[in-house]
Amino acid sequence: MTPEEAVQSIENLRNETIKILRVQKEDFLSFRQELIKQQDFKHFRGIAKHGGHVEYEYMKIPRS
């Protein structure tokens, strides 16, 4: 996943174009580098799944 693809995916989650984003194990680090740069980082929740992939969703209320 390129940085541009990661940012576009983050925008899609934020705008609710998509409800859940599934990030594959091999793309996790490149995606996370872009995710932690976001002002609303705490609004994203990642749920680890079997096999090493992570499903992200955007929450209206930030996590603590």
PDB file of N, CA and C in Angstrom:
ATOM      1  N   MET A   1       0.851  -1.173   0.000  1.00  0.00           N
ATOM      2  CA  MET A   1       0.000   0.000   0.000  1.00  0.00           C
ATOM      3  C   MET A   1       0.895   1.233   0.000  1.00  0.00           C
ATOM      4  N   THR A   2       0.643   2.124  -0.935  1.00  0.00           N
ATOM      5  CA  THR A   2       1.419   3.360  -1.013  1.00  0.00           C
ATOM      6  C   THR A   2       0.859   4.371  -0.012  1.00  0.00           C
ATOM      7  N   PRO A   3       1.654   5.386   0.330  1.00  0.00           N
ATOM      8  CA  PRO A   3       1.143   6.419   1.240  1.00  0.00           C
ATOM      9  C   PRO A   3      -0.119   7.105   0.705  1.00  0.00           C
ATOM     10  N   GLU A   4      -0.181   7.303  -0.604  1.00  0.00           N
ATOM     11  CA  GLU A   4      -1.353   7.937  -1.208  1.00  0.00           C
ATOM     12  C   GLU A   4      -2.596   7.056  -1.058  1.00  0.00           C
ATOM     13  N   GLU A   5      -2.432   5.751  -1.247  1.00  0.00           N
ATOM     14  CA  GLU A   5      -3.549   4.813  -1.074  1.00  0.00           C
ATOM     15  C   GLU A   5      -4.007   4.786   0.377  1.00  0.00           C
ATOM     16  N   ALA A   6      -3.059   4.845   1.297  1.00  0.00           N
ATOM     17  CA  ALA A   6      -3.399   4.845   2.717  1.00  0.00           C
ATOM     18  C   ALA A   6      -4.193   6.093   3.078  1.00  0.00           C
ATOM     19  N   VAL A   7      -3.757   7.250   2.614  1.00  0.00           N
ATOM     20  CA  VAL A   7      -4.453   8.504   2.912  1.00  0.00           C
ATOM     21  C   VAL A   7      -5.853   8.477   2.304  1.00  0.00           C
ATOM     22  N   GLN A   8      -5.978   7.958   1.090  1.00  0.00           N
ATOM     23  CA  GLN A   8      -7.293   7.874   0.452  1.00  0.00           C
ATOM     24  C   GLN A   8      -8.215   6.940   1.244  1.00  0.00           C
ATOM     25  N   SER A   9      -7.687   5.835   1.722  1.00  0.00           N
ATOM     26  CA  SER A   9      -8.476   4.895   2.525  1.00  0.00           C
ATOM     27  C   SER A   9      -8.914   5.540   3.837  1.00  0.00           C
ATOM     28  N   ILE A  10      -8.035   6.300   4.439  1.00  0.00           N
ATOM     29  CA  ILE A  10      -8.357   7.008   5.687  1.00  0.00           C
ATOM     30  C   ILE A  10      -9.482   8.009   5.431  1.00  0.00           C
ATOM     31  N   GLU A  11      -9.399   8.741   4.337  1.00  0.00           N
ATOM     32  CA  GLU A  11     -10.450   9.704   3.976  1.00  0.00           C
ATOM     33  C   GLU A  11     -11.782   8.994   3.736  1.00  0.00           C
ATOM     34  N   ASN A  12     -11.733   7.850   3.080  1.00  0.00           N
ATOM     35  CA  ASN A  12     -12.961   7.093   2.827  1.00  0.00           C
ATOM     36  C   ASN A  12     -13.620   6.646   4.128  1.00  0.00           C
ATOM     37  N   LEU A  13     -12.827   6.239   5.092  1.00  0.00           N
ATOM     38  CA  LEU A  13     -13.374   5.869   6.404  1.00  0.00           C
ATOM     39  C   LEU A  13     -13.949   7.096   7.104  1.00  0.00           C
ATOM     40  N   ARG A  14     -13.221   8.159   7.091  1.00  0.00           N
ATOM     41  CA  ARG A  14     -13.635   9.393   7.767  1.00  0.00           C
ATOM     42  C   ARG A  14     -14.951   9.923   7.187  1.00  0.00           C
ATOM     43  N   ASN A  15     -15.094   9.861   5.877  1.00  0.00           N
ATOM     44  CA  ASN A  15     -16.285  10.378   5.200  1.00  0.00           C
ATOM     45  C   ASN A  15     -17.416   9.357   5.134  1.00  0.00           C
ATOM     46  N   GLU A  16     -17.179   8.187   5.706  1.00  0.00           N
ATOM     47  CA  GLU A  16     -18.144   7.087   5.740  1.00  0.00           C
ATOM     48  C   GLU A  16     -18.510   6.579   4.349  1.00  0.00           C
ATOM     49  N   THR A  17     -17.588   6.729   3.402  1.00  0.00           N
ATOM     50  CA  THR A  17     -17.751   6.107   2.093  1.00  0.00           C
ATOM     51  C   THR A  17     -17.686   4.592   2.264  1.00  0.00           C
ATOM     52  N   ILE A  18     -16.813   4.172   3.178  1.00  0.00           N
ATOM     53  CA  ILE A  18     -16.735   2.762   3.572  1.00  0.00           C
ATOM     54  C   ILE A  18     -16.881   2.700   5.088  1.00  0.00           C
ATOM     55  N   LYS A  19     -17.439   1.613   5.588  1.00  0.00           N
ATOM     56  CA  LYS A  19     -17.649   1.459   7.032  1.00  0.00           C
ATOM     57  C   LYS A  19     -16.458   0.787   7.713  1.00  0.00           C
ATOM     58  N   ILE A  20     -15.863  -0.198   7.023  1.00  0.00           N
ATOM     59  CA  ILE A  20     -14.742  -0.955   7.588  1.00  0.00           C
ATOM     60  C   ILE A  20     -13.658  -1.083   6.527  1.00  0.00           C
ATOM     61  N   LEU A  21     -12.429  -0.848   6.938  1.00  0.00           N
ATOM     62  CA  LEU A  21     -11.280  -0.998   6.054  1.00  0.00           C
ATOM     63  C   LEU A  21     -10.451  -2.168   6.544  1.00  0.00           C
ATOM     64  N   ARG A  22     -10.230  -3.130   5.684  1.00  0.00           N
ATOM     65  CA  ARG A  22      -9.421  -4.293   6.039  1.00  0.00           C
ATOM     66  C   ARG A  22      -8.003  -4.085   5.498  1.00  0.00           C
ATOM     67  N   VAL A  23      -7.046  -4.023   6.404  1.00  0.00           N
ATOM     68  CA  VAL A  23      -5.639  -3.821   6.045  1.00  0.00           C
ATOM     69  C   VAL A  23      -4.915  -5.153   6.215  1.00  0.00           C
ATOM     70  N   GLN A  24      -4.290  -5.600   5.157  1.00  0.00           N
ATOM     71  CA  GLN A  24      -3.565  -6.864   5.181  1.00  0.00           C
ATOM     72  C   GLN A  24      -2.286  -6.736   6.004  1.00  0.00           C
ATOM     73  N   LYS A  25      -1.831  -7.849   6.486  1.00  0.00           N
ATOM     74  CA  LYS A  25      -0.645  -7.910   7.344  1.00  0.00           C
ATOM     75  C   LYS A  25       0.561  -7.199   6.706  1.00  0.00           C
ATOM     76  N   GLU A  26       0.775  -7.424   5.424  1.00  0.00           N
ATOM     77  CA  GLU A  26       1.946  -6.852   4.754  1.00  0.00           C
ATOM     78  C   GLU A  26       1.824  -5.339   4.526  1.00  0.00           C
ATOM     79  N   ASP A  27       0.614  -4.790   4.605  1.00  0.00           N
ATOM     80  CA  ASP A  27       0.398  -3.352   4.417  1.00  0.00           C
ATOM     81  C   ASP A  27       0.263  -2.587   5.731  1.00  0.00           C
ATOM     82  N   PHE A  28       0.249  -3.298   6.836  1.00  0.00           N
ATOM     83  CA  PHE A  28      -0.055  -2.682   8.122  1.00  0.00           C
ATOM     84  C   PHE A  28       0.890  -1.537   8.477  1.00  0.00           C
ATOM     85  N   LEU A  29       2.185  -1.739   8.379  1.00  0.00           N
ATOM     86  CA  LEU A  29       3.141  -0.705   8.807  1.00  0.00           C
ATOM     87  C   LEU A  29       3.049   0.554   7.950  1.00  0.00           C
ATOM     88  N   SER A  30       2.929   0.390   6.644  1.00  0.00           N
ATOM     89  CA  SER A  30       2.826   1.573   5.781  1.00  0.00           C
ATOM     90  C   SER A  30       1.511   2.311   6.027  1.00  0.00           C
ATOM     91  N   PHE A  31       0.420   1.580   6.280  1.00  0.00           N
ATOM     92  CA  PHE A  31      -0.850   2.220   6.582  1.00  0.00           C
ATOM     93  C   PHE A  31      -0.781   2.964   7.912  1.00  0.00           C
ATOM     94  N   ARG A  32      -0.219   2.330   8.905  1.00  0.00           N
ATOM     95  CA  ARG A  32      -0.161   2.929  10.240  1.00  0.00           C
ATOM     96  C   ARG A  32       0.680   4.204  10.250  1.00  0.00           C
ATOM     97  N   GLN A  33       1.745   4.243   9.463  1.00  0.00           N
ATOM     98  CA  GLN A  33       2.567   5.459   9.396  1.00  0.00           C
ATOM     99  C   GLN A  33       1.736   6.663   8.967  1.00  0.00           C
ATOM    100  N   GLU A  34       0.822   6.451   8.043  1.00  0.00           N
ATOM    101  CA  GLU A  34      -0.042   7.547   7.601  1.00  0.00           C
ATOM    102  C   GLU A  34      -1.159   7.811   8.607  1.00  0.00           C
ATOM    103  N   LEU A  35      -1.665   6.769   9.228  1.00  0.00           N
ATOM    104  CA  LEU A  35      -2.763   6.914  10.169  1.00  0.00           C
ATOM    105  C   LEU A  35      -2.365   7.750  11.385  1.00  0.00           C
ATOM    106  N   ILE A  36      -1.184   7.530  11.925  1.00  0.00           N
ATOM    107  CA  ILE A  36      -0.783   8.245  13.140  1.00  0.00           C
ATOM    108  C   ILE A  36      -0.506   9.728  12.881  1.00  0.00           C
ATOM    109  N   LYS A  37      -0.401  10.134  11.629  1.00  0.00           N
ATOM    110  CA  LYS A  37      -0.205  11.535  11.281  1.00  0.00           C
ATOM    111  C   LYS A  37      -1.515  12.326  11.309  1.00  0.00           C
ATOM    112  N   GLN A  38      -2.625  11.641  11.387  1.00  0.00           N
ATOM    113  CA  GLN A  38      -3.937  12.288  11.299  1.00  0.00           C
ATOM    114  C   GLN A  38      -4.295  12.990  12.604  1.00  0.00           C
ATOM    115  N   GLN A  39      -4.927  14.171  12.475  1.00  0.00           N
ATOM    116  CA  GLN A  39      -5.355  14.941  13.643  1.00  0.00           C
ATOM    117  C   GLN A  39      -6.377  14.164  14.473  1.00  0.00           C
ATOM    118  N   ASP A  40      -7.238  13.413  13.802  1.00  0.00           N
ATOM    119  CA  ASP A  40      -8.295  12.667  14.485  1.00  0.00           C
ATOM    120  C   ASP A  40      -7.936  11.188  14.654  1.00  0.00           C
ATOM    121  N   PHE A  41      -6.676  10.927  14.869  1.00  0.00           N
ATOM    122  CA  PHE A  41      -6.151   9.558  15.017  1.00  0.00           C
ATOM    123  C   PHE A  41      -6.951   8.715  16.007  1.00  0.00           C
ATOM    124  N   LYS A  42      -7.366   9.304  17.106  1.00  0.00           N
ATOM    125  CA  LYS A  42      -8.061   8.550  18.151  1.00  0.00           C
ATOM    126  C   LYS A  42      -9.491   8.177  17.774  1.00  0.00           C
ATOM    127  N   HIS A  43      -9.961   8.646  16.649  1.00  0.00           N
ATOM    128  CA  HIS A  43     -11.288   8.277  16.174  1.00  0.00           C
ATOM    129  C   HIS A  43     -11.262   6.958  15.398  1.00  0.00           C
ATOM    130  N   PHE A  44     -10.078   6.494  15.064  1.00  0.00           N
ATOM    131  CA  PHE A  44      -9.946   5.245  14.313  1.00  0.00           C
ATOM    132  C   PHE A  44      -9.716   4.096  15.281  1.00  0.00           C
ATOM    133  N   ARG A  45     -10.459   3.030  15.080  1.00  0.00           N
ATOM    134  CA  ARG A  45     -10.293   1.855  15.932  1.00  0.00           C
ATOM    135  C   ARG A  45      -9.886   0.684  15.050  1.00  0.00           C
ATOM    136  N   GLY A  46      -8.777   0.052  15.415  1.00  0.00           N
ATOM    137  CA  GLY A  46      -8.299  -1.115  14.693  1.00  0.00           C
ATOM    138  C   GLY A  46      -8.565  -2.371  15.499  1.00  0.00           C
ATOM    139  N   ILE A  47      -9.099  -3.377  14.831  1.00  0.00           N
ATOM    140  CA  ILE A  47      -9.407  -4.649  15.477  1.00  0.00           C
ATOM    141  C   ILE A  47      -8.575  -5.725  14.788  1.00  0.00           C
ATOM    142  N   ALA A  48      -7.672  -6.334  15.544  1.00  0.00           N
ATOM    143  CA  ALA A  48      -6.818  -7.386  15.000  1.00  0.00           C
ATOM    144  C   ALA A  48      -7.659  -8.636  14.740  1.00  0.00           C
ATOM    145  N   LYS A  49      -7.429  -9.237  13.590  1.00  0.00           N
ATOM    146  CA  LYS A  49      -8.160 -10.432  13.190  1.00  0.00           C
ATOM    147  C   LYS A  49      -7.195 -11.590  12.971  1.00  0.00           C
ATOM    148  N   HIS A  50      -7.768 -12.753  12.897  1.00  0.00           N
ATOM    149  CA  HIS A  50      -6.985 -13.976  12.670  1.00  0.00           C
ATOM    150  C   HIS A  50      -6.220 -13.862  11.345  1.00  0.00           C
ATOM    151  N   GLY A  51      -4.972 -14.235  11.352  1.00  0.00           N
ATOM    152  CA  GLY A  51      -4.158 -14.199  10.143  1.00  0.00           C
ATOM    153  C   GLY A  51      -3.301 -12.959  10.019  1.00  0.00           C
ATOM    154  N   GLY A  52      -3.421 -12.028  10.954  1.00  0.00           N
ATOM    155  CA  GLY A  52      -2.546 -10.869  10.959  1.00  0.00           C
ATOM    156  C   GLY A  52      -3.099  -9.620  10.315  1.00  0.00           C
ATOM    157  N   HIS A  53      -4.323  -9.671   9.777  1.00  0.00           N
ATOM    158  CA  HIS A  53      -4.860  -8.434   9.213  1.00  0.00           C
ATOM    159  C   HIS A  53      -5.637  -7.663  10.279  1.00  0.00           C
ATOM    160  N   VAL A  54      -5.890  -6.396   9.987  1.00  0.00           N
ATOM    161  CA  VAL A  54      -6.563  -5.504  10.932  1.00  0.00           C
ATOM    162  C   VAL A  54      -7.736  -4.845  10.222  1.00  0.00           C
ATOM    163  N   GLU A  55      -8.860  -4.764  10.905  1.00  0.00           N
ATOM    164  CA  GLU A  55     -10.027  -4.066  10.376  1.00  0.00           C
ATOM    165  C   GLU A  55     -10.179  -2.752  11.133  1.00  0.00           C
ATOM    166  N   TYR A  56     -10.208  -1.650  10.382  1.00  0.00           N
ATOM    167  CA  TYR A  56     -10.340  -0.323  10.966  1.00  0.00           C
ATOM    168  C   TYR A  56     -11.738   0.214  10.730  1.00  0.00           C
ATOM    169  N   GLU A  57     -12.230   0.931  11.731  1.00  0.00           N
ATOM    170  CA  GLU A  57     -13.483   1.648  11.581  1.00  0.00           C
ATOM    171  C   GLU A  57     -13.313   3.032  12.185  1.00  0.00           C
ATOM    172  N   TYR A  58     -14.169   3.952  11.754  1.00  0.00           N
ATOM    173  CA  TYR A  58     -14.115   5.327  12.245  1.00  0.00           C
ATOM    174  C   TYR A  58     -15.230   5.524  13.242  1.00  0.00           C
ATOM    175  N   MET A  59     -14.891   6.067  14.417  1.00  0.00           N
ATOM    176  CA  MET A  59     -15.861   6.274  15.483  1.00  0.00           C
ATOM    177  C   MET A  59     -16.113   7.777  15.643  1.00  0.00           C
ATOM    178  N   LYS A  60     -17.351   8.138  15.925  1.00  0.00           N
ATOM    179  CA  LYS A  60     -17.694   9.554  16.140  1.00  0.00           C
ATOM    180  C   LYS A  60     -17.056  10.080  17.426  1.00  0.00           C
ATOM    181  N   ILE A  61     -16.984   9.220  18.444  1.00  0.00           N
ATOM    182  CA  ILE A  61     -16.403   9.587  19.740  1.00  0.00           C
ATOM    183  C   ILE A  61     -15.003   8.977  19.814  1.00  0.00           C
ATOM    184  N   PRO A  62     -13.967   9.770  20.093  1.00  0.00           N
ATOM    185  CA  PRO A  62     -12.606   9.230  20.139  1.00  0.00           C
ATOM    186  C   PRO A  62     -12.409   8.260  21.290  1.00  0.00           C
ATOM    187  N   ARG A  63     -11.530   7.310  21.052  1.00  0.00           N
ATOM    188  CA  ARG A  63     -11.194   6.367  22.124  1.00  0.00           C
ATOM    189  C   ARG A  63     -10.324   7.070  23.157  1.00  0.00           C
ATOM    190  N   SER A  64     -10.275   6.539  24.337  1.00  0.00           N
ATOM    191  CA  SER A  64      -9.512   7.202  25.392  1.00  0.00           C
ATOM    192  C   SER A  64      -8.046   6.823  25.377  1.00  0.00           C
TER     193      SER A  64
END
